[in-house]
């Protein structure tokens, strides 16, 4: 299994990949469940975080909380 950071960079930079096809699931400690985000909702990568922007506010999600990546709803990576 490749590191999650490598996979996320591949999705972003590999011209053969379409980021619109990917969903990322991370574990939210407060709600105690997996939360789905679309790859295109990621604003940037910063160190070991993915940064989302919603209503002008940035949210930082640690990459170690990412549990699954799906392409067209098919599991392609799992921790």
N, C-alpha and C. Protein backbone atom coordinates (compact mmCIF):
# COMPACT_ATOMS: atom_id res chain seq x y z
N UNK A 1 0.86 -1.18 0.00
CA UNK A 1 0.00 0.00 0.00
C UNK A 1 0.90 1.24 0.00
N UNK A 2 0.60 2.14 -0.89
CA UNK A 2 1.41 3.36 -0.96
C UNK A 2 0.96 4.37 0.11
N UNK A 3 1.85 5.23 0.54
CA UNK A 3 1.48 6.27 1.51
C UNK A 3 0.38 7.17 0.94
N UNK A 4 -0.50 7.62 1.82
CA UNK A 4 -1.64 8.43 1.39
C UNK A 4 -1.19 9.72 0.70
N UNK A 5 -0.12 10.31 1.16
CA UNK A 5 0.36 11.55 0.56
C UNK A 5 0.76 11.32 -0.90
N UNK A 6 1.38 10.18 -1.19
CA UNK A 6 1.75 9.85 -2.57
C UNK A 6 0.51 9.69 -3.45
N UNK A 7 -0.49 9.00 -2.92
CA UNK A 7 -1.72 8.80 -3.70
C UNK A 7 -2.41 10.13 -3.98
N UNK A 8 -2.52 10.99 -2.99
CA UNK A 8 -3.18 12.29 -3.19
C UNK A 8 -2.43 13.14 -4.22
N UNK A 9 -1.12 13.09 -4.18
CA UNK A 9 -0.33 13.83 -5.17
C UNK A 9 -0.50 13.24 -6.57
N UNK A 10 -0.58 11.92 -6.65
CA UNK A 10 -0.79 11.28 -7.95
C UNK A 10 -2.13 11.72 -8.55
N UNK A 11 -3.16 11.73 -7.73
CA UNK A 11 -4.48 12.16 -8.21
C UNK A 11 -4.41 13.60 -8.72
N UNK A 12 -3.67 14.43 -8.02
CA UNK A 12 -3.58 15.84 -8.39
C UNK A 12 -2.77 16.07 -9.66
N UNK A 13 -1.64 15.39 -9.81
CA UNK A 13 -0.69 15.72 -10.87
C UNK A 13 -0.70 14.78 -12.07
N UNK A 14 -1.19 13.56 -11.92
CA UNK A 14 -1.19 12.60 -13.03
C UNK A 14 -2.31 12.95 -14.00
N UNK A 15 -1.96 13.28 -15.21
CA UNK A 15 -2.94 13.71 -16.21
C UNK A 15 -3.92 12.60 -16.58
N UNK A 16 -3.57 11.34 -16.29
CA UNK A 16 -4.47 10.22 -16.58
C UNK A 16 -5.59 10.11 -15.55
N UNK A 17 -5.44 10.80 -14.43
CA UNK A 17 -6.44 10.75 -13.36
C UNK A 17 -7.36 11.96 -13.43
N UNK A 18 -8.61 11.74 -13.06
CA UNK A 18 -9.59 12.82 -12.98
C UNK A 18 -9.96 13.00 -11.51
N UNK A 19 -9.52 14.07 -10.86
CA UNK A 19 -9.81 14.27 -9.44
C UNK A 19 -11.31 14.27 -9.11
N UNK A 20 -12.15 14.61 -10.08
CA UNK A 20 -13.60 14.60 -9.84
C UNK A 20 -14.13 13.20 -9.52
N UNK A 21 -13.38 12.17 -9.87
CA UNK A 21 -13.83 10.80 -9.66
C UNK A 21 -13.52 10.27 -8.26
N UNK A 22 -12.82 11.05 -7.45
CA UNK A 22 -12.32 10.55 -6.16
C UNK A 22 -13.06 11.15 -4.97
N UNK A 23 -13.28 10.28 -3.99
CA UNK A 23 -13.82 10.68 -2.69
C UNK A 23 -12.87 10.20 -1.60
N UNK A 24 -12.76 10.98 -0.57
CA UNK A 24 -11.87 10.68 0.54
C UNK A 24 -12.73 10.57 1.80
N UNK A 25 -12.45 9.55 2.59
CA UNK A 25 -13.18 9.33 3.84
C UNK A 25 -12.20 9.45 5.00
N UNK A 26 -12.52 10.31 5.94
CA UNK A 26 -11.66 10.46 7.11
C UNK A 26 -12.49 10.26 8.37
N UNK A 27 -11.81 9.86 9.43
CA UNK A 27 -12.48 9.61 10.70
C UNK A 27 -12.57 10.89 11.50
N UNK A 28 -13.81 11.25 11.85
CA UNK A 28 -14.05 12.43 12.68
C UNK A 28 -14.21 11.98 14.13
N UNK A 29 -13.32 12.46 14.99
CA UNK A 29 -13.34 12.02 16.39
C UNK A 29 -14.57 12.52 17.15
N UNK A 30 -15.11 13.65 16.75
CA UNK A 30 -16.26 14.20 17.48
C UNK A 30 -17.53 13.41 17.15
N UNK A 31 -17.79 13.21 15.87
CA UNK A 31 -18.99 12.47 15.48
C UNK A 31 -18.78 10.96 15.51
N UNK A 32 -17.52 10.52 15.65
CA UNK A 32 -17.16 9.11 15.71
C UNK A 32 -17.65 8.32 14.50
N UNK A 33 -17.45 8.93 13.33
CA UNK A 33 -17.82 8.24 12.09
C UNK A 33 -16.95 8.72 10.94
N UNK A 34 -17.03 8.01 9.82
CA UNK A 34 -16.31 8.41 8.62
C UNK A 34 -17.06 9.54 7.93
N UNK A 35 -16.33 10.54 7.52
CA UNK A 35 -16.89 11.69 6.81
C UNK A 35 -16.36 11.66 5.38
N UNK A 36 -17.25 11.84 4.42
CA UNK A 36 -16.87 11.83 3.01
C UNK A 36 -16.63 13.26 2.53
N UNK A 37 -15.51 13.44 1.82
CA UNK A 37 -15.27 14.70 1.13
C UNK A 37 -14.86 14.38 -0.31
N UNK A 38 -15.23 15.23 -1.21
CA UNK A 38 -14.81 15.07 -2.60
C UNK A 38 -13.41 15.62 -2.75
N UNK A 39 -12.63 14.97 -3.58
CA UNK A 39 -11.24 15.40 -3.77
C UNK A 39 -11.19 16.87 -4.19
N UNK A 40 -12.12 17.30 -5.01
CA UNK A 40 -12.11 18.68 -5.52
C UNK A 40 -12.39 19.71 -4.42
N UNK A 41 -12.85 19.26 -3.25
CA UNK A 41 -13.07 20.18 -2.14
C UNK A 41 -11.79 20.53 -1.40
N UNK A 42 -10.70 19.83 -1.73
CA UNK A 42 -9.41 20.11 -1.09
C UNK A 42 -8.83 21.38 -1.69
N UNK A 43 -8.51 22.32 -0.82
CA UNK A 43 -7.92 23.58 -1.27
C UNK A 43 -6.43 23.41 -1.52
N UNK A 44 -5.75 22.73 -0.57
CA UNK A 44 -4.30 22.54 -0.70
C UNK A 44 -3.85 21.47 0.29
N UNK A 45 -2.59 21.06 0.13
CA UNK A 45 -1.91 20.19 1.09
C UNK A 45 -0.91 21.05 1.83
N UNK A 46 -0.85 20.86 3.13
CA UNK A 46 0.10 21.62 3.94
C UNK A 46 0.70 20.68 4.97
N UNK A 47 2.00 20.40 4.81
CA UNK A 47 2.68 19.42 5.66
C UNK A 47 1.91 18.10 5.60
N UNK A 48 1.44 17.61 6.72
CA UNK A 48 0.68 16.36 6.75
C UNK A 48 -0.80 16.60 6.99
N UNK A 49 -1.31 17.67 6.38
CA UNK A 49 -2.72 18.02 6.49
C UNK A 49 -3.31 18.25 5.11
N UNK A 50 -4.60 17.96 4.98
CA UNK A 50 -5.33 18.46 3.82
C UNK A 50 -6.13 19.65 4.32
N UNK A 51 -6.23 20.66 3.50
CA UNK A 51 -6.90 21.90 3.89
C UNK A 51 -8.15 22.05 3.04
N UNK A 52 -9.29 22.19 3.71
CA UNK A 52 -10.57 22.43 3.05
C UNK A 52 -10.99 23.86 3.33
N UNK A 53 -11.72 24.45 2.41
CA UNK A 53 -12.25 25.79 2.66
C UNK A 53 -13.76 25.76 2.47
N UNK A 54 -14.47 26.14 3.52
CA UNK A 54 -15.93 26.19 3.50
C UNK A 54 -16.37 27.54 4.03
N UNK A 55 -17.12 28.27 3.23
CA UNK A 55 -17.62 29.59 3.64
C UNK A 55 -16.49 30.51 4.11
N UNK A 56 -15.36 30.47 3.42
CA UNK A 56 -14.23 31.33 3.74
C UNK A 56 -13.41 30.90 4.94
N UNK A 57 -13.75 29.76 5.54
CA UNK A 57 -13.03 29.27 6.71
C UNK A 57 -12.27 28.00 6.36
N UNK A 58 -10.98 27.96 6.72
CA UNK A 58 -10.17 26.78 6.43
C UNK A 58 -10.29 25.75 7.55
N UNK A 59 -10.36 24.49 7.14
CA UNK A 59 -10.35 23.36 8.08
C UNK A 59 -9.15 22.49 7.75
N UNK A 60 -8.42 22.08 8.76
CA UNK A 60 -7.24 21.24 8.58
C UNK A 60 -7.56 19.83 9.06
N UNK A 61 -7.35 18.86 8.18
CA UNK A 61 -7.59 17.47 8.53
C UNK A 61 -6.26 16.73 8.44
N UNK A 62 -5.83 16.12 9.54
CA UNK A 62 -4.57 15.37 9.50
C UNK A 62 -4.67 14.18 8.54
N UNK A 63 -3.64 13.97 7.77
CA UNK A 63 -3.67 12.87 6.80
C UNK A 63 -3.77 11.51 7.48
N UNK A 64 -3.31 11.40 8.73
CA UNK A 64 -3.41 10.10 9.40
C UNK A 64 -4.86 9.74 9.74
N UNK A 65 -5.77 10.69 9.62
CA UNK A 65 -7.19 10.40 9.86
C UNK A 65 -7.89 9.87 8.60
N UNK A 66 -7.24 9.97 7.45
CA UNK A 66 -7.84 9.44 6.22
C UNK A 66 -7.84 7.93 6.31
N UNK A 67 -9.02 7.35 6.11
CA UNK A 67 -9.17 5.90 6.23
C UNK A 67 -9.42 5.21 4.89
N UNK A 68 -10.03 5.92 3.93
CA UNK A 68 -10.34 5.31 2.64
C UNK A 68 -10.27 6.34 1.53
N UNK A 69 -9.94 5.86 0.34
CA UNK A 69 -10.05 6.67 -0.88
C UNK A 69 -10.81 5.80 -1.88
N UNK A 70 -11.80 6.39 -2.51
CA UNK A 70 -12.61 5.67 -3.49
C UNK A 70 -12.60 6.42 -4.82
N UNK A 71 -12.53 5.64 -5.89
CA UNK A 71 -12.61 6.18 -7.24
C UNK A 71 -13.89 5.63 -7.85
N UNK A 72 -14.80 6.52 -8.23
CA UNK A 72 -16.11 6.11 -8.75
C UNK A 72 -16.76 5.09 -7.81
N UNK A 73 -16.65 5.36 -6.53
CA UNK A 73 -17.23 4.56 -5.45
C UNK A 73 -16.60 3.17 -5.29
N UNK A 74 -15.46 2.94 -5.92
CA UNK A 74 -14.73 1.68 -5.77
C UNK A 74 -13.51 1.94 -4.89
N UNK A 75 -13.36 1.14 -3.86
CA UNK A 75 -12.26 1.31 -2.92
C UNK A 75 -10.92 1.10 -3.61
N UNK A 76 -10.04 2.11 -3.52
CA UNK A 76 -8.70 2.01 -4.13
C UNK A 76 -7.59 2.11 -3.09
N UNK A 77 -7.91 2.56 -1.89
CA UNK A 77 -6.92 2.68 -0.82
C UNK A 77 -7.64 2.60 0.51
N UNK A 78 -7.05 1.86 1.45
CA UNK A 78 -7.66 1.74 2.78
C UNK A 78 -6.56 1.59 3.82
N UNK A 79 -6.78 2.26 4.95
CA UNK A 79 -5.85 2.13 6.07
C UNK A 79 -6.47 1.18 7.07
